[in-house]
Amino acid sequence: MHIETLIERRLRGYRLTTAEILYHLPDHPAVLQSFVWQDSNIAPKFPVLRKFLDFWARQIDGPLHSVRVEATTLVSPSEWRRIDHVMQLH
C-alpha cells in the first residue's frame, strides 16, 4: 500500500487550507461561536472542506453562519536570507 507524502499531494494541487467557521450556538441562537478547521485541500472547489461542511450541516446542532477560507500557494521555494551577524551565548 502506497502512503502519499505531503510533497506528492502538493504536486497534485493540494494546499494547506484554513477555514474559520462561525456558527450559532444551539441554546443561544443570537450568539456566534468560532471554529478553526485546517487540512490539505484543492482550491478553488475545496472538496474536503465541502465534505466537512456537509457533515456539519447534517450532524451538528449549531447552524452555520459563515465560513472564511484561506489557502497557501502550491509549492513555494524555500526562503533564503543572508545573515550579517552571528552571536553566540555560552
C-alpha atoms as a PDB file:
ATOM      1  CA  MET A   1       0.000   0.000   0.000  1.00  0.00           C
ATOM      2  CA  HIS A   2       1.431   3.368  -1.043  1.00  0.00           C
ATOM      3  CA  ILE A   3       1.117   6.178   1.506  1.00  0.00           C
ATOM      4  CA  GLU A   4       1.057   9.529  -0.242  1.00  0.00           C
ATOM      5  CA  THR A   5       3.625  12.024   1.006  1.00  0.00           C
ATOM      6  CA  LEU A   6       2.907  15.694   1.592  1.00  0.00           C
ATOM      7  CA  ILE A   7       5.005  16.779  -1.392  1.00  0.00           C
ATOM      8  CA  GLU A   8       3.134  14.330  -3.664  1.00  0.00           C
ATOM      9  CA  ARG A   9      -0.161  15.833  -2.522  1.00  0.00           C
ATOM     10  CA  ARG A  10       1.163  19.366  -3.064  1.00  0.00           C
ATOM     11  CA  LEU A  11       2.257  18.485  -6.590  1.00  0.00           C
ATOM     12  CA  ARG A  12      -1.256  17.147  -7.287  1.00  0.00           C
ATOM     13  CA  GLY A  13      -2.717  20.543  -6.346  1.00  0.00           C
ATOM     14  CA  TYR A  14      -3.436  20.149  -2.631  1.00  0.00           C
ATOM     15  CA  ARG A  15      -2.827  23.227  -0.495  1.00  0.00           C
ATOM     16  CA  LEU A  16      -2.857  23.823   3.215  1.00  0.00           C
ATOM     17  CA  THR A  17      -6.309  25.291   3.760  1.00  0.00           C
ATOM     18  CA  THR A  18      -7.605  27.031   6.863  1.00  0.00           C
ATOM     19  CA  ALA A  19     -11.267  27.863   7.391  1.00  0.00           C
ATOM     20  CA  GLU A  20     -12.770  29.987  10.140  1.00  0.00           C
ATOM     21  CA  ILE A  21     -16.307  28.750  10.667  1.00  0.00           C
ATOM     22  CA  LEU A  22     -18.798  30.928  12.527  1.00  0.00           C
ATOM     23  CA  TYR A  23     -21.880  29.142  13.805  1.00  0.00           C
ATOM     24  CA  HIS A  24     -24.855  29.859  16.041  1.00  0.00           C
ATOM     25  CA  LEU A  25     -24.918  28.233  19.450  1.00  0.00           C
ATOM     26  CA  PRO A  26     -27.860  25.807  19.631  1.00  0.00           C
ATOM     27  CA  ASP A  27     -29.090  27.053  23.042  1.00  0.00           C
ATOM     28  CA  HIS A  28     -28.424  30.743  22.283  1.00  0.00           C
ATOM     29  CA  PRO A  29     -29.020  31.389  18.562  1.00  0.00           C
ATOM     30  CA  ALA A  30     -28.065  35.068  18.825  1.00  0.00           C
ATOM     31  CA  VAL A  31     -24.537  34.127  19.960  1.00  0.00           C
ATOM     32  CA  LEU A  32     -21.857  33.186  17.422  1.00  0.00           C
ATOM     33  CA  GLN A  33     -19.024  30.767  18.151  1.00  0.00           C
ATOM     34  CA  SER A  34     -15.835  30.394  16.107  1.00  0.00           C
ATOM     35  CA  PHE A  35     -14.281  27.094  14.992  1.00  0.00           C
ATOM     36  CA  VAL A  36     -10.997  26.841  13.064  1.00  0.00           C
ATOM     37  CA  TRP A  37     -10.593  23.939  10.606  1.00  0.00           C
ATOM     38  CA  GLN A  38      -7.321  23.101   8.821  1.00  0.00           C
ATOM     39  CA  ASP A  39      -6.466  20.378   6.293  1.00  0.00           C
ATOM     40  CA  SER A  40      -4.996  19.839   2.830  1.00  0.00           C
ATOM     41  CA  ASN A  41      -7.455  20.685   0.089  1.00  0.00           C
ATOM     42  CA  ILE A  42      -7.713  21.551  -3.606  1.00  0.00           C
ATOM     43  CA  ALA A  43      -8.584  25.164  -4.442  1.00  0.00           C
ATOM     44  CA  PRO A  44     -10.897  26.656  -5.644  1.00  0.00           C
ATOM     45  CA  LYS A  45     -13.562  23.946  -5.187  1.00  0.00           C
ATOM     46  CA  PHE A  46     -12.295  22.734  -1.772  1.00  0.00           C
ATOM     47  CA  PRO A  47     -13.881  19.247  -1.852  1.00  0.00           C
ATOM     48  CA  VAL A  48     -12.504  18.201   1.566  1.00  0.00           C
ATOM     49  CA  LEU A  49     -13.883  21.330   3.246  1.00  0.00           C
ATOM     50  CA  ARG A  50     -17.233  20.936   1.472  1.00  0.00           C
ATOM     51  CA  LYS A  51     -17.463  17.343   2.717  1.00  0.00           C
ATOM     52  CA  PHE A  52     -16.782  18.548   6.266  1.00  0.00           C
ATOM     53  CA  LEU A  53     -19.372  21.348   5.994  1.00  0.00           C
ATOM     54  CA  ASP A  54     -21.963  18.886   4.641  1.00  0.00           C
ATOM     55  CA  PHE A  55     -21.249  16.640   7.645  1.00  0.00           C
ATOM     56  CA  TRP A  56     -21.601  19.684   9.942  1.00  0.00           C
ATOM     57  CA  ALA A  57     -24.970  20.637   8.448  1.00  0.00           C
ATOM     58  CA  ARG A  58     -26.282  17.059   8.836  1.00  0.00           C
ATOM     59  CA  GLN A  59     -24.836  16.041  12.220  1.00  0.00           C
ATOM     60  CA  ILE A  60     -24.086  19.124  14.346  1.00  0.00           C
ATOM     61  CA  ASP A  61     -26.771  21.202  16.055  1.00  0.00           C
ATOM     62  CA  GLY A  62     -25.101  24.609  15.636  1.00  0.00           C
ATOM     63  CA  PRO A  63     -26.316  26.142  12.327  1.00  0.00           C
ATOM     64  CA  LEU A  64     -23.601  27.669  10.165  1.00  0.00           C
ATOM     65  CA  HIS A  65     -23.417  31.447   9.915  1.00  0.00           C
ATOM     66  CA  SER A  66     -20.377  31.989   7.656  1.00  0.00           C
ATOM     67  CA  VAL A  67     -17.105  30.427   6.522  1.00  0.00           C
ATOM     68  CA  ARG A  68     -13.906  32.320   5.693  1.00  0.00           C
ATOM     69  CA  VAL A  69     -11.288  30.327   3.761  1.00  0.00           C
ATOM     70  CA  GLU A  70      -7.550  30.905   3.235  1.00  0.00           C
ATOM     71  CA  ALA A  71      -5.217  28.642   1.233  1.00  0.00           C
ATOM     72  CA  THR A  72      -1.456  28.678   0.767  1.00  0.00           C
ATOM     73  CA  THR A  73       0.235  28.659  -2.621  1.00  0.00           C
ATOM     74  CA  LEU A  74       1.202  25.403  -4.286  1.00  0.00           C
ATOM     75  CA  VAL A  75       4.894  24.557  -3.910  1.00  0.00           C
ATOM     76  CA  SER A  76       6.943  27.593  -2.982  1.00  0.00           C
ATOM     77  CA  PRO A  77      10.729  27.864  -2.891  1.00  0.00           C
ATOM     78  CA  SER A  78      12.425  27.936   0.462  1.00  0.00           C
ATOM     79  CA  GLU A  79      13.065  31.347   1.872  1.00  0.00           C
ATOM     80  CA  TRP A  80      16.696  32.358   1.986  1.00  0.00           C
ATOM     81  CA  ARG A  81      18.105  35.321   3.853  1.00  0.00           C
ATOM     82  CA  ARG A  82      21.647  36.465   4.330  1.00  0.00           C
ATOM     83  CA  ILE A  83      22.701  36.891   7.947  1.00  0.00           C
ATOM     84  CA  ASP A  84      25.180  39.675   8.597  1.00  0.00           C
ATOM     85  CA  HIS A  85      25.938  38.877  12.233  1.00  0.00           C
ATOM     86  CA  VAL A  86      26.189  35.725  14.292  1.00  0.00           C
ATOM     87  CA  MET A  87      26.038  35.907  18.076  1.00  0.00           C
ATOM     88  CA  GLN A  88      26.921  33.070  20.378  1.00  0.00           C
ATOM     89  CA  LEU A  89      25.778  32.785  24.005  1.00  0.00           C
ATOM     90  CA  HIS A  90      27.725  30.480  26.278  1.00  0.00           C
END
